[in-house]
């Protein structure tokens, strides 16, 4: 499994994930129902892909945001 996400992409995903988790747990914007669970699921996926450095969707569409060595 090779990395296909660059540092900036990973950082942006972490920030988005934190915002989604904040919206899901600390505000009433996404506090209930389907929106709440979607925000949590997307946040978890963003965090996991950022830690691993590999996005399966990027592989499918042939996108690579990291530098080649």
C-alpha atoms as a PDB file:
ATOM      1  CA  UNK A   1       0.000   0.000   0.000  1.00  0.00           C
ATOM      2  CA  UNK A   2       1.754   3.140  -1.195  1.00  0.00           C
ATOM      3  CA  UNK A   3       0.951   6.605   0.043  1.00  0.00           C
ATOM      4  CA  UNK A   4      -1.002   8.846  -2.282  1.00  0.00           C
ATOM      5  CA  UNK A   5      -1.741  11.807   0.007  1.00  0.00           C
ATOM      6  CA  UNK A   6       0.542  14.770   0.543  1.00  0.00           C
ATOM      7  CA  UNK A   7       1.169  16.572   3.819  1.00  0.00           C
ATOM      8  CA  UNK A   8      -1.135  19.501   3.026  1.00  0.00           C
ATOM      9  CA  UNK A   9      -3.939  17.145   1.994  1.00  0.00           C
ATOM     10  CA  UNK A  10      -3.565  15.167   5.203  1.00  0.00           C
ATOM     11  CA  UNK A  11      -3.564  18.323   7.344  1.00  0.00           C
ATOM     12  CA  UNK A  12      -6.675  19.679   5.631  1.00  0.00           C
ATOM     13  CA  UNK A  13      -8.471  16.373   6.204  1.00  0.00           C
ATOM     14  CA  UNK A  14      -7.577  16.435   9.911  1.00  0.00           C
ATOM     15  CA  UNK A  15      -8.915  19.993  10.248  1.00  0.00           C
ATOM     16  CA  UNK A  16     -12.140  19.066   8.443  1.00  0.00           C
ATOM     17  CA  UNK A  17     -12.506  15.982  10.642  1.00  0.00           C
ATOM     18  CA  UNK A  18     -12.091  18.051  13.805  1.00  0.00           C
ATOM     19  CA  UNK A  19     -14.686  20.556  12.594  1.00  0.00           C
ATOM     20  CA  UNK A  20     -17.126  17.739  11.797  1.00  0.00           C
ATOM     21  CA  UNK A  21     -16.609  16.165  15.221  1.00  0.00           C
ATOM     22  CA  UNK A  22     -17.116  19.553  16.860  1.00  0.00           C
ATOM     23  CA  UNK A  23     -20.356  20.043  14.917  1.00  0.00           C
ATOM     24  CA  UNK A  24     -21.529  16.541  15.814  1.00  0.00           C
ATOM     25  CA  UNK A  25     -20.832  16.730  19.542  1.00  0.00           C
ATOM     26  CA  UNK A  26     -20.609  20.358  20.648  1.00  0.00           C
ATOM     27  CA  UNK A  27     -23.325  22.130  18.678  1.00  0.00           C
ATOM     28  CA  UNK A  28     -26.926  21.581  17.735  1.00  0.00           C
ATOM     29  CA  UNK A  29     -26.163  21.824  14.003  1.00  0.00           C
ATOM     30  CA  UNK A  30     -25.546  18.091  13.627  1.00  0.00           C
ATOM     31  CA  UNK A  31     -26.550  16.941  17.073  1.00  0.00           C
ATOM     32  CA  UNK A  32     -29.183  14.411  16.119  1.00  0.00           C
ATOM     33  CA  UNK A  33     -30.236  11.963  13.479  1.00  0.00           C
ATOM     34  CA  UNK A  34     -28.605  11.040  10.225  1.00  0.00           C
ATOM     35  CA  UNK A  35     -26.502  14.203   9.937  1.00  0.00           C
ATOM     36  CA  UNK A  36     -24.903  13.455  13.304  1.00  0.00           C
ATOM     37  CA  UNK A  37     -23.852   9.960  12.265  1.00  0.00           C
ATOM     38  CA  UNK A  38     -22.715  11.022   8.798  1.00  0.00           C
ATOM     39  CA  UNK A  39     -20.513  13.717  10.322  1.00  0.00           C
ATOM     40  CA  UNK A  40     -18.932  11.169  12.674  1.00  0.00           C
ATOM     41  CA  UNK A  41     -18.381   8.582   9.926  1.00  0.00           C
ATOM     42  CA  UNK A  42     -16.820  11.086   7.528  1.00  0.00           C
ATOM     43  CA  UNK A  43     -14.609  12.440  10.322  1.00  0.00           C
ATOM     44  CA  UNK A  44     -13.375   8.952  11.230  1.00  0.00           C
ATOM     45  CA  UNK A  45     -12.662   8.099   7.589  1.00  0.00           C
ATOM     46  CA  UNK A  46     -10.760  11.371   7.140  1.00  0.00           C
ATOM     47  CA  UNK A  47      -8.699  10.758  10.284  1.00  0.00           C
ATOM     48  CA  UNK A  48      -7.844   7.162   9.338  1.00  0.00           C
ATOM     49  CA  UNK A  49      -6.885   8.039   5.763  1.00  0.00           C
ATOM     50  CA  UNK A  50      -4.788  10.956   7.031  1.00  0.00           C
ATOM     51  CA  UNK A  51      -2.896   8.781   9.483  1.00  0.00           C
ATOM     52  CA  UNK A  52      -2.301   6.030   6.923  1.00  0.00           C
ATOM     53  CA  UNK A  53      -1.545   8.494   4.111  1.00  0.00           C
ATOM     54  CA  UNK A  54      -3.526   6.514   1.570  1.00  0.00           C
ATOM     55  CA  UNK A  55      -6.987   7.302   0.208  1.00  0.00           C
ATOM     56  CA  UNK A  56      -8.722   4.426  -1.622  1.00  0.00           C
ATOM     57  CA  UNK A  57     -10.814   6.871  -3.665  1.00  0.00           C
ATOM     58  CA  UNK A  58      -7.640   8.593  -4.890  1.00  0.00           C
ATOM     59  CA  UNK A  59      -6.370   5.202  -6.065  1.00  0.00           C
ATOM     60  CA  UNK A  60      -9.562   4.542  -8.007  1.00  0.00           C
ATOM     61  CA  UNK A  61      -9.509   7.880  -9.820  1.00  0.00           C
ATOM     62  CA  UNK A  62      -5.708   7.977 -10.200  1.00  0.00           C
ATOM     63  CA  UNK A  63      -5.102  11.059  -8.059  1.00  0.00           C
ATOM     64  CA  UNK A  64      -1.867  11.486  -6.112  1.00  0.00           C
ATOM     65  CA  UNK A  65      -1.114  14.566  -3.983  1.00  0.00           C
ATOM     66  CA  UNK A  66       2.195  13.458  -2.482  1.00  0.00           C
ATOM     67  CA  UNK A  67       5.625  14.059  -3.934  1.00  0.00           C
ATOM     68  CA  UNK A  68       7.223  11.223  -5.867  1.00  0.00           C
ATOM     69  CA  UNK A  69      10.562  10.013  -4.605  1.00  0.00           C
END
